[in-house]
């Protein structure tokens, strides 16, 4: 909703053809963008505790695996506006946490004892990372970069939220 031309870069990010193709594969067609946030951190910014993930039975995970394929109902896309190295800090994730059936240990949540599970995601300006929102354990390490952290976080929601993936909706037969 920013006035022209300031909103154009964000509109291009929201509807980037490569991102849309992956979202269609992960969620099916008909998804919608539900959130757009700008993440800015200066040197010494404290980061963010790891969150989401936990157990696949959680109603907020919205992740399932059927017929050899993953389906999810929420996907986050984080675009980096500056280069990010491991030394800088920033976005981190626990790979495979969307498949877990055990609660996350407290040391992992706080990154005080990561049990060699937490991975930093280094990226170049213009790169985007897609992750399974509420199903994937993620957070941010404290920011130590010489330049301020600048990211755009988009969230997409499937039109199938709360519906089974295997059966289409039944037609209305009540007239």
N, C-alpha and C. Protein backbone atom coordinates (compact mmCIF):
# COMPACT_ATOMS: atom_id res chain seq x y z
N UNK A 1 0.80 -1.20 0.00
CA UNK A 1 0.00 0.00 0.00
C UNK A 1 0.85 1.27 0.00
N UNK A 2 2.17 1.12 -0.12
CA UNK A 2 3.02 2.31 -0.19
C UNK A 2 2.76 3.04 -1.50
N UNK A 3 2.89 4.37 -1.50
CA UNK A 3 2.66 5.11 -2.75
C UNK A 3 3.73 4.75 -3.80
N UNK A 4 3.33 4.87 -5.05
CA UNK A 4 4.24 4.59 -6.17
C UNK A 4 5.40 5.57 -6.12
N UNK A 5 6.60 5.16 -6.33
CA UNK A 5 7.12 3.85 -6.73
C UNK A 5 7.62 3.01 -5.57
N UNK A 6 7.39 3.44 -4.32
CA UNK A 6 7.99 2.79 -3.15
C UNK A 6 7.47 1.38 -2.88
N UNK A 7 6.26 1.08 -3.27
CA UNK A 7 5.71 -0.24 -3.02
C UNK A 7 6.07 -1.29 -4.07
N UNK A 8 6.56 -0.85 -5.22
CA UNK A 8 6.85 -1.79 -6.32
C UNK A 8 7.81 -2.91 -5.95
N UNK A 9 8.93 -2.63 -5.30
CA UNK A 9 9.83 -3.74 -4.95
C UNK A 9 9.15 -4.80 -4.08
N UNK A 10 8.29 -4.37 -3.17
CA UNK A 10 7.61 -5.31 -2.29
C UNK A 10 6.58 -6.14 -3.07
N UNK A 11 5.88 -5.51 -3.99
CA UNK A 11 4.93 -6.25 -4.82
C UNK A 11 5.66 -7.29 -5.68
N UNK A 12 6.83 -6.93 -6.17
CA UNK A 12 7.61 -7.91 -6.96
C UNK A 12 8.06 -9.08 -6.09
N UNK A 13 8.42 -8.82 -4.84
CA UNK A 13 8.81 -9.90 -3.93
C UNK A 13 7.62 -10.81 -3.64
N UNK A 14 6.47 -10.22 -3.38
CA UNK A 14 5.28 -11.00 -3.03
C UNK A 14 4.89 -11.94 -4.16
N UNK A 15 5.01 -11.48 -5.41
CA UNK A 15 4.55 -12.27 -6.56
C UNK A 15 5.70 -12.72 -7.46
N UNK A 16 6.91 -12.86 -6.91
CA UNK A 16 8.05 -13.32 -7.71
C UNK A 16 7.72 -14.68 -8.34
N UNK A 17 7.88 -14.83 -9.66
CA UNK A 17 7.50 -16.08 -10.34
C UNK A 17 8.18 -17.33 -9.78
N UNK A 18 9.45 -17.23 -9.38
CA UNK A 18 10.13 -18.40 -8.82
C UNK A 18 9.56 -18.77 -7.45
N UNK A 19 9.22 -17.77 -6.66
CA UNK A 19 8.62 -18.03 -5.35
C UNK A 19 7.22 -18.61 -5.54
N UNK A 20 6.42 -18.02 -6.42
CA UNK A 20 5.06 -18.49 -6.67
C UNK A 20 5.07 -19.96 -7.13
N UNK A 21 6.00 -20.33 -8.00
CA UNK A 21 6.08 -21.72 -8.46
C UNK A 21 6.33 -22.67 -7.29
N UNK A 22 7.20 -22.29 -6.39
CA UNK A 22 7.49 -23.14 -5.23
C UNK A 22 6.32 -23.17 -4.25
N UNK A 23 5.66 -22.05 -4.06
CA UNK A 23 4.49 -22.03 -3.18
C UNK A 23 3.37 -22.90 -3.74
N UNK A 24 3.17 -22.85 -5.06
CA UNK A 24 2.16 -23.73 -5.68
C UNK A 24 2.48 -25.20 -5.42
N UNK A 25 3.75 -25.56 -5.48
CA UNK A 25 4.14 -26.94 -5.25
C UNK A 25 3.95 -27.32 -3.79
N UNK A 26 4.26 -26.40 -2.87
CA UNK A 26 4.19 -26.70 -1.44
C UNK A 26 2.77 -26.61 -0.87
N UNK A 27 1.94 -25.71 -1.42
CA UNK A 27 0.63 -25.46 -0.82
C UNK A 27 -0.54 -25.67 -1.76
N UNK A 28 -0.27 -25.85 -3.04
CA UNK A 28 -1.36 -25.88 -4.01
C UNK A 28 -1.71 -24.46 -4.41
N UNK A 29 -2.49 -24.33 -5.46
CA UNK A 29 -2.83 -23.00 -5.94
C UNK A 29 -3.87 -22.36 -5.03
N UNK A 30 -3.96 -21.06 -5.12
CA UNK A 30 -4.98 -20.34 -4.37
C UNK A 30 -4.51 -19.82 -3.03
N UNK A 31 -3.23 -19.82 -2.76
CA UNK A 31 -2.73 -19.29 -1.49
C UNK A 31 -2.83 -17.77 -1.47
N UNK A 32 -2.65 -17.20 -0.29
CA UNK A 32 -2.69 -15.74 -0.17
C UNK A 32 -1.56 -15.25 0.72
N UNK A 33 -1.07 -14.06 0.44
CA UNK A 33 -0.07 -13.42 1.30
C UNK A 33 -0.81 -12.82 2.49
N UNK A 34 -0.37 -13.17 3.71
CA UNK A 34 -1.08 -12.71 4.90
C UNK A 34 -0.27 -11.77 5.76
N UNK A 35 1.04 -11.70 5.52
CA UNK A 35 1.88 -10.86 6.37
C UNK A 35 3.07 -10.37 5.58
N UNK A 36 3.45 -9.13 5.83
CA UNK A 36 4.67 -8.56 5.27
C UNK A 36 5.32 -7.73 6.36
N UNK A 37 6.50 -8.15 6.79
CA UNK A 37 7.22 -7.44 7.85
C UNK A 37 8.62 -7.10 7.36
N UNK A 38 9.13 -6.00 7.83
CA UNK A 38 10.50 -5.60 7.56
C UNK A 38 11.29 -5.84 8.85
N UNK A 39 12.39 -6.57 8.75
CA UNK A 39 13.23 -6.86 9.90
C UNK A 39 14.49 -6.00 9.82
N UNK A 40 14.71 -5.20 10.84
CA UNK A 40 15.88 -4.33 10.90
C UNK A 40 16.54 -4.51 12.26
N UNK A 41 17.84 -4.77 12.25
CA UNK A 41 18.59 -4.89 13.50
C UNK A 41 19.92 -4.18 13.35
N UNK A 42 20.28 -3.42 14.36
CA UNK A 42 21.59 -2.81 14.39
C UNK A 42 22.57 -3.71 15.11
N UNK A 43 23.83 -3.37 15.07
CA UNK A 43 24.86 -4.16 15.74
C UNK A 43 24.47 -4.36 17.20
N UNK A 44 24.55 -5.60 17.66
CA UNK A 44 24.21 -5.93 19.04
C UNK A 44 22.76 -6.28 19.24
N UNK A 45 21.93 -6.21 18.17
CA UNK A 45 20.54 -6.63 18.29
C UNK A 45 20.48 -8.05 18.82
N UNK A 46 19.59 -8.31 19.76
CA UNK A 46 19.63 -9.57 20.51
C UNK A 46 19.16 -10.80 19.75
N UNK A 47 18.61 -10.68 18.57
CA UNK A 47 18.13 -11.86 17.88
C UNK A 47 16.74 -12.25 18.36
N UNK A 48 16.39 -13.51 18.17
CA UNK A 48 15.05 -13.98 18.52
C UNK A 48 15.13 -15.44 18.92
N UNK A 49 14.55 -15.79 20.08
CA UNK A 49 14.52 -17.19 20.51
C UNK A 49 13.95 -18.05 19.40
N UNK A 50 14.42 -19.28 19.33
CA UNK A 50 13.85 -20.20 18.36
C UNK A 50 12.40 -20.47 18.74
N UNK A 51 11.55 -20.55 17.76
CA UNK A 51 10.13 -20.75 18.01
C UNK A 51 9.52 -21.59 16.91
N UNK A 52 8.27 -21.95 17.09
CA UNK A 52 7.51 -22.82 16.19
C UNK A 52 8.04 -24.24 16.34
N UNK A 53 7.67 -25.11 15.44
CA UNK A 53 8.09 -26.51 15.55
C UNK A 53 7.51 -27.13 16.80
N UNK A 54 8.16 -28.11 17.32
CA UNK A 54 7.68 -28.78 18.52
C UNK A 54 7.17 -30.16 18.18
N UNK A 55 5.89 -30.30 17.98
CA UNK A 55 5.34 -31.60 17.63
C UNK A 55 4.47 -31.46 16.39
N UNK A 56 4.47 -32.47 15.58
CA UNK A 56 3.67 -32.41 14.35
C UNK A 56 2.18 -32.54 14.63
N UNK A 57 1.81 -32.88 15.85
CA UNK A 57 0.39 -32.98 16.18
C UNK A 57 -0.20 -31.63 16.59
N UNK A 58 0.64 -30.62 16.71
CA UNK A 58 0.18 -29.29 17.08
C UNK A 58 -0.75 -28.74 16.00
N UNK A 59 -1.83 -28.12 16.42
CA UNK A 59 -2.77 -27.55 15.45
C UNK A 59 -2.20 -26.36 14.72
N UNK A 60 -1.12 -25.77 15.23
CA UNK A 60 -0.55 -24.62 14.56
C UNK A 60 0.53 -24.99 13.54
N UNK A 61 0.88 -26.26 13.44
CA UNK A 61 1.93 -26.66 12.50
C UNK A 61 1.45 -26.69 11.07
N UNK A 62 0.27 -27.23 10.81
CA UNK A 62 -0.30 -27.27 9.47
C UNK A 62 0.66 -27.86 8.46
N UNK A 63 1.20 -29.02 8.78
CA UNK A 63 2.13 -29.72 7.91
C UNK A 63 1.73 -31.18 7.88
N UNK A 64 1.77 -31.78 6.70
CA UNK A 64 1.50 -33.21 6.59
C UNK A 64 2.34 -33.77 5.45
N UNK A 65 2.49 -35.07 5.46
CA UNK A 65 3.23 -35.76 4.41
C UNK A 65 2.33 -36.88 3.91
N UNK A 66 1.96 -36.82 2.64
CA UNK A 66 1.07 -37.83 2.06
C UNK A 66 1.53 -38.20 0.67
N UNK A 67 1.40 -39.47 0.37
CA UNK A 67 1.72 -39.97 -0.97
C UNK A 67 3.09 -39.50 -1.45
N UNK A 68 4.07 -39.52 -0.56
CA UNK A 68 5.42 -39.15 -0.92
C UNK A 68 5.67 -37.67 -1.11
N UNK A 69 4.76 -36.84 -0.63
CA UNK A 69 4.91 -35.40 -0.84
C UNK A 69 4.53 -34.61 0.41
N UNK A 70 5.24 -33.53 0.63
CA UNK A 70 4.98 -32.63 1.75
C UNK A 70 3.91 -31.63 1.34
N UNK A 71 2.97 -31.37 2.24
CA UNK A 71 1.98 -30.32 2.05
C UNK A 71 2.00 -29.44 3.30
N UNK A 72 1.96 -28.15 3.11
CA UNK A 72 1.93 -27.26 4.27
C UNK A 72 0.95 -26.13 4.01
N UNK A 73 0.48 -25.56 5.09
CA UNK A 73 -0.54 -24.54 4.96
C UNK A 73 -0.02 -23.15 5.26
N UNK A 74 1.15 -23.04 5.83
CA UNK A 74 1.80 -21.75 6.04
C UNK A 74 3.25 -21.86 5.57
N UNK A 75 3.67 -20.93 4.76
CA UNK A 75 5.07 -20.86 4.32
C UNK A 75 5.54 -19.43 4.51
N UNK A 76 6.71 -19.29 5.12
CA UNK A 76 7.34 -17.98 5.24
C UNK A 76 8.42 -17.86 4.17
N UNK A 77 8.59 -16.67 3.66
CA UNK A 77 9.65 -16.37 2.70
C UNK A 77 10.40 -15.17 3.27
N UNK A 78 11.70 -15.38 3.52
CA UNK A 78 12.54 -14.30 4.04
C UNK A 78 13.51 -13.86 2.94
N UNK A 79 13.36 -12.62 2.50
CA UNK A 79 14.25 -12.02 1.49
C UNK A 79 15.33 -11.24 2.22
N UNK A 80 16.57 -11.44 1.81
CA UNK A 80 17.68 -10.68 2.39
C UNK A 80 17.96 -9.46 1.52
N UNK A 81 18.06 -8.31 2.14
CA UNK A 81 18.35 -7.08 1.42
C UNK A 81 19.84 -6.73 1.49
N UNK A 82 20.58 -7.47 2.32
CA UNK A 82 22.04 -7.31 2.43
C UNK A 82 22.66 -8.70 2.54
N UNK A 83 23.94 -8.79 2.18
CA UNK A 83 24.66 -10.05 2.37
C UNK A 83 24.69 -10.39 3.86
N UNK A 84 24.59 -11.69 4.16
CA UNK A 84 24.62 -12.16 5.54
C UNK A 84 25.54 -13.37 5.62
N UNK A 85 26.55 -13.27 6.49
CA UNK A 85 27.45 -14.39 6.73
C UNK A 85 27.18 -14.96 8.12
N UNK A 86 27.77 -16.10 8.39
CA UNK A 86 27.60 -16.72 9.71
C UNK A 86 28.11 -15.79 10.81
N UNK A 87 29.18 -15.05 10.53
CA UNK A 87 29.72 -14.12 11.52
C UNK A 87 28.75 -12.98 11.84
N UNK A 88 27.87 -12.64 10.89
CA UNK A 88 26.91 -11.55 11.10
C UNK A 88 25.80 -11.93 12.06
N UNK A 89 25.39 -13.19 12.08
CA UNK A 89 24.23 -13.61 12.86
C UNK A 89 23.00 -13.63 11.97
N UNK A 90 21.84 -13.45 12.57
CA UNK A 90 20.60 -13.44 11.80
C UNK A 90 19.93 -14.81 11.74
N UNK A 91 19.17 -15.03 10.69
CA UNK A 91 18.27 -16.18 10.56
C UNK A 91 18.97 -17.51 10.80
N UNK A 92 18.30 -18.36 11.59
CA UNK A 92 18.78 -19.72 11.84
C UNK A 92 17.57 -20.66 11.91
N UNK A 93 17.84 -21.94 11.73
CA UNK A 93 16.78 -22.93 11.62
C UNK A 93 17.27 -24.26 12.16
N UNK A 94 16.34 -25.10 12.59
CA UNK A 94 16.65 -26.48 12.96
C UNK A 94 16.13 -27.36 11.82
N UNK A 95 17.05 -27.83 10.94
CA UNK A 95 16.62 -28.67 9.81
C UNK A 95 15.87 -29.91 10.28
N UNK A 96 14.80 -30.22 9.57
CA UNK A 96 14.01 -31.41 9.88
C UNK A 96 13.07 -31.27 11.05
N UNK A 97 13.06 -30.11 11.72
CA UNK A 97 12.22 -29.96 12.91
C UNK A 97 10.73 -30.02 12.59
N UNK A 98 10.36 -29.82 11.34
CA UNK A 98 8.94 -29.92 10.95
C UNK A 98 8.45 -31.37 11.03
N UNK A 99 9.38 -32.33 11.14
CA UNK A 99 9.00 -33.75 11.20
C UNK A 99 9.05 -34.32 12.61
N UNK A 100 9.42 -33.51 13.56
CA UNK A 100 9.64 -34.02 14.90
C UNK A 100 8.34 -34.36 15.63
N UNK A 101 8.44 -35.27 16.57
CA UNK A 101 7.29 -35.61 17.41
C UNK A 101 7.63 -35.38 18.89
N UNK A 102 8.75 -34.74 19.15
CA UNK A 102 9.18 -34.46 20.51
C UNK A 102 9.28 -32.96 20.74
N UNK A 103 9.00 -32.51 21.95
CA UNK A 103 9.14 -31.08 22.25
C UNK A 103 10.59 -30.64 22.08
N UNK A 104 10.79 -29.39 21.74
CA UNK A 104 12.12 -28.83 21.57
C UNK A 104 12.78 -28.66 22.94
N UNK A 105 14.00 -29.16 23.12
CA UNK A 105 14.70 -28.94 24.39
C UNK A 105 14.92 -27.45 24.64
N UNK A 106 14.83 -27.04 25.90
CA UNK A 106 14.95 -25.63 26.24
C UNK A 106 16.29 -25.04 25.79
N UNK A 107 17.38 -25.81 25.89
CA UNK A 107 18.68 -25.31 25.46
C UNK A 107 18.73 -25.00 23.99
N UNK A 108 17.97 -25.74 23.19
CA UNK A 108 17.90 -25.45 21.75
C UNK A 108 17.08 -24.18 21.53
N UNK A 109 15.98 -24.05 22.23
CA UNK A 109 15.12 -22.87 22.08
C UNK A 109 15.89 -21.58 22.35
N UNK A 110 16.75 -21.60 23.36
CA UNK A 110 17.52 -20.41 23.72
C UNK A 110 18.87 -20.34 23.02
N UNK A 111 19.25 -21.40 22.31
CA UNK A 111 20.55 -21.54 21.62
C UNK A 111 21.71 -21.59 22.61
N UNK A 112 21.43 -21.83 23.89
CA UNK A 112 22.50 -21.98 24.88
C UNK A 112 23.16 -23.35 24.76
N UNK A 113 22.41 -24.36 24.39
CA UNK A 113 22.94 -25.70 24.12
C UNK A 113 22.24 -26.19 22.86
N UNK A 114 22.81 -25.87 21.73
CA UNK A 114 22.10 -26.15 20.47
C UNK A 114 22.15 -27.61 20.06
N UNK A 115 22.88 -28.45 20.83
CA UNK A 115 22.97 -29.88 20.55
C UNK A 115 23.39 -30.14 19.10
N UNK A 116 24.12 -29.20 18.52
CA UNK A 116 24.58 -29.25 17.13
C UNK A 116 23.41 -29.40 16.14
N UNK A 117 22.28 -28.77 16.50
CA UNK A 117 21.08 -28.87 15.66
C UNK A 117 20.77 -27.58 14.92
N UNK A 118 21.17 -26.43 15.44
CA UNK A 118 20.80 -25.14 14.87
C UNK A 118 21.77 -24.79 13.74
N UNK A 119 21.21 -24.37 12.62
CA UNK A 119 22.04 -23.99 11.47
C UNK A 119 21.76 -22.54 11.08
N UNK A 120 22.83 -21.77 10.94
CA UNK A 120 22.72 -20.42 10.42
C UNK A 120 22.53 -20.50 8.92
N UNK A 121 21.74 -19.59 8.35
CA UNK A 121 21.51 -19.56 6.91
C UNK A 121 22.16 -18.30 6.35
N UNK A 122 23.33 -18.46 5.73
CA UNK A 122 24.01 -17.34 5.10
C UNK A 122 23.40 -17.10 3.72
N UNK A 123 23.27 -15.84 3.34
CA UNK A 123 22.67 -15.50 2.05
C UNK A 123 23.29 -14.23 1.50
N UNK A 124 23.10 -14.04 0.21
CA UNK A 124 23.52 -12.81 -0.44
C UNK A 124 22.30 -11.91 -0.63
N UNK A 125 22.55 -10.62 -0.76
CA UNK A 125 21.45 -9.68 -1.00
C UNK A 125 20.64 -10.15 -2.20
N UNK A 126 19.33 -10.18 -2.06
CA UNK A 126 18.44 -10.63 -3.13
C UNK A 126 18.04 -12.08 -3.01
N UNK A 127 18.71 -12.87 -2.15
CA UNK A 127 18.33 -14.27 -1.94
C UNK A 127 17.08 -14.34 -1.08
N UNK A 128 16.36 -15.43 -1.24
CA UNK A 128 15.18 -15.69 -0.41
C UNK A 128 15.25 -17.12 0.12
N UNK A 129 14.80 -17.31 1.33
CA UNK A 129 14.71 -18.65 1.92
C UNK A 129 13.25 -18.91 2.24
N UNK A 130 12.76 -20.10 1.88
CA UNK A 130 11.40 -20.52 2.18
C UNK A 130 11.47 -21.54 3.31
N UNK A 131 10.58 -21.41 4.28
CA UNK A 131 10.54 -22.39 5.36
C UNK A 131 9.10 -22.55 5.84
N UNK A 132 8.86 -23.66 6.52
CA UNK A 132 7.50 -24.06 6.85
C UNK A 132 6.94 -23.36 8.09
N UNK A 133 7.02 -22.08 8.14
CA UNK A 133 6.41 -21.21 9.14
C UNK A 133 6.25 -21.88 10.49
N UNK A 134 5.02 -22.20 10.90
CA UNK A 134 4.74 -22.75 12.22
C UNK A 134 5.25 -24.16 12.44
N UNK A 135 5.60 -24.87 11.40
CA UNK A 135 6.09 -26.24 11.55
C UNK A 135 7.60 -26.30 11.73
N UNK A 136 8.32 -25.33 11.20
CA UNK A 136 9.79 -25.35 11.18
C UNK A 136 10.32 -24.49 12.32
N UNK A 137 11.14 -25.08 13.18
CA UNK A 137 11.74 -24.31 14.26
C UNK A 137 12.76 -23.34 13.67
N UNK A 138 12.61 -22.06 13.99
CA UNK A 138 13.45 -21.01 13.41
C UNK A 138 13.58 -19.85 14.40
N UNK A 139 14.53 -18.99 14.14
CA UNK A 139 14.75 -17.81 14.98
C UNK A 139 15.87 -16.98 14.39
N UNK A 140 16.56 -16.23 15.23
CA UNK A 140 17.66 -15.39 14.76
C UNK A 140 18.74 -15.29 15.82
N UNK A 141 19.98 -15.46 15.39
CA UNK A 141 21.12 -15.23 16.27
C UNK A 141 21.29 -13.73 16.46
N UNK A 142 21.94 -13.31 17.55
CA UNK A 142 22.22 -11.88 17.73
C UNK A 142 22.94 -11.31 16.51
N UNK A 143 22.66 -10.05 16.21
CA UNK A 143 23.23 -9.42 15.02
C UNK A 143 24.59 -8.81 15.34
N UNK A 144 25.61 -9.23 14.59
CA UNK A 144 26.99 -8.77 14.78
C UNK A 144 27.56 -8.15 13.50
N UNK A 145 26.74 -7.97 12.47
CA UNK A 145 27.21 -7.44 11.20
C UNK A 145 27.58 -5.97 11.27
N UNK A 146 28.53 -5.58 10.43
CA UNK A 146 28.96 -4.18 10.38
C UNK A 146 27.83 -3.29 9.86
N UNK A 147 27.03 -3.80 8.94
CA UNK A 147 25.86 -3.06 8.45
C UNK A 147 24.62 -3.60 9.16
N UNK A 148 23.60 -2.76 9.28
CA UNK A 148 22.36 -3.20 9.91
C UNK A 148 21.73 -4.35 9.13
N UNK A 149 21.08 -5.23 9.85
CA UNK A 149 20.35 -6.34 9.23
C UNK A 149 19.11 -5.77 8.56
N UNK A 150 18.84 -6.22 7.33
CA UNK A 150 17.67 -5.77 6.58
C UNK A 150 17.09 -6.98 5.86
N UNK A 151 15.88 -7.36 6.25
CA UNK A 151 15.19 -8.49 5.63
C UNK A 151 13.72 -8.15 5.47
N UNK A 152 13.09 -8.81 4.53
CA UNK A 152 11.65 -8.72 4.35
C UNK A 152 11.10 -10.11 4.59
N UNK A 153 10.13 -10.23 5.50
CA UNK A 153 9.52 -11.52 5.84
C UNK A 153 8.08 -11.51 5.35
N UNK A 154 7.78 -12.44 4.46
CA UNK A 154 6.42 -12.60 3.93
C UNK A 154 5.86 -13.92 4.42
N UNK A 155 4.57 -13.95 4.73
CA UNK A 155 3.93 -15.20 5.10
C UNK A 155 2.77 -15.45 4.14
N UNK A 156 2.66 -16.69 3.72
CA UNK A 156 1.59 -17.12 2.81
C UNK A 156 0.77 -18.21 3.51
N UNK A 157 -0.52 -18.19 3.25
CA UNK A 157 -1.44 -19.17 3.84
C UNK A 157 -2.16 -19.89 2.71
N UNK A 158 -2.26 -21.21 2.85
CA UNK A 158 -2.94 -22.03 1.86
C UNK A 158 -4.44 -21.82 1.92
N UNK A 159 -5.09 -21.92 0.78
CA UNK A 159 -6.56 -21.88 0.77
C UNK A 159 -7.14 -23.14 1.39
N UNK A 160 -6.29 -24.18 1.54
CA UNK A 160 -6.74 -25.45 2.10
C UNK A 160 -6.71 -25.48 3.61
N UNK A 161 -6.42 -24.37 4.25
CA UNK A 161 -6.29 -24.35 5.70
C UNK A 161 -7.51 -24.97 6.36
N UNK A 162 -7.27 -26.03 7.09
CA UNK A 162 -8.35 -26.70 7.79
C UNK A 162 -9.09 -27.73 6.98
N UNK A 163 -8.71 -27.94 5.71
CA UNK A 163 -9.37 -28.95 4.88
C UNK A 163 -8.41 -30.08 4.59
N UNK A 164 -8.96 -31.23 4.28
CA UNK A 164 -8.14 -32.37 3.86
C UNK A 164 -7.60 -32.10 2.47
N UNK A 165 -6.38 -32.53 2.21
CA UNK A 165 -5.78 -32.34 0.89
C UNK A 165 -6.25 -33.40 -0.10
N UNK A 166 -6.65 -34.55 0.38
CA UNK A 166 -6.94 -35.66 -0.52
C UNK A 166 -8.30 -35.59 -1.17
N UNK A 167 -9.22 -34.83 -0.63
CA UNK A 167 -10.56 -34.78 -1.19
C UNK A 167 -10.97 -33.34 -1.48
N UNK A 168 -11.46 -33.06 -2.69
CA UNK A 168 -11.94 -31.71 -2.99
C UNK A 168 -13.21 -31.43 -2.21
N UNK A 169 -13.59 -30.16 -2.05
CA UNK A 169 -14.82 -29.86 -1.34
C UNK A 169 -16.02 -30.46 -2.07
N UNK A 170 -16.98 -30.90 -1.28
CA UNK A 170 -18.19 -31.48 -1.87
C UNK A 170 -19.10 -30.38 -2.42
N UNK A 171 -19.74 -30.63 -3.56
CA UNK A 171 -20.63 -29.61 -4.10
C UNK A 171 -21.85 -29.42 -3.21
N UNK A 172 -22.39 -28.22 -3.23
CA UNK A 172 -23.60 -27.90 -2.46
C UNK A 172 -24.79 -28.52 -3.17
N UNK A 173 -25.47 -29.45 -2.48
CA UNK A 173 -26.62 -30.14 -3.10
C UNK A 173 -27.93 -29.73 -2.46
N UNK A 174 -27.90 -28.73 -1.60
CA UNK A 174 -29.11 -28.30 -0.91
C UNK A 174 -29.97 -27.32 -1.73
N UNK A 175 -29.57 -27.08 -2.97
CA UNK A 175 -30.39 -26.26 -3.83
C UNK A 175 -30.00 -24.86 -3.82
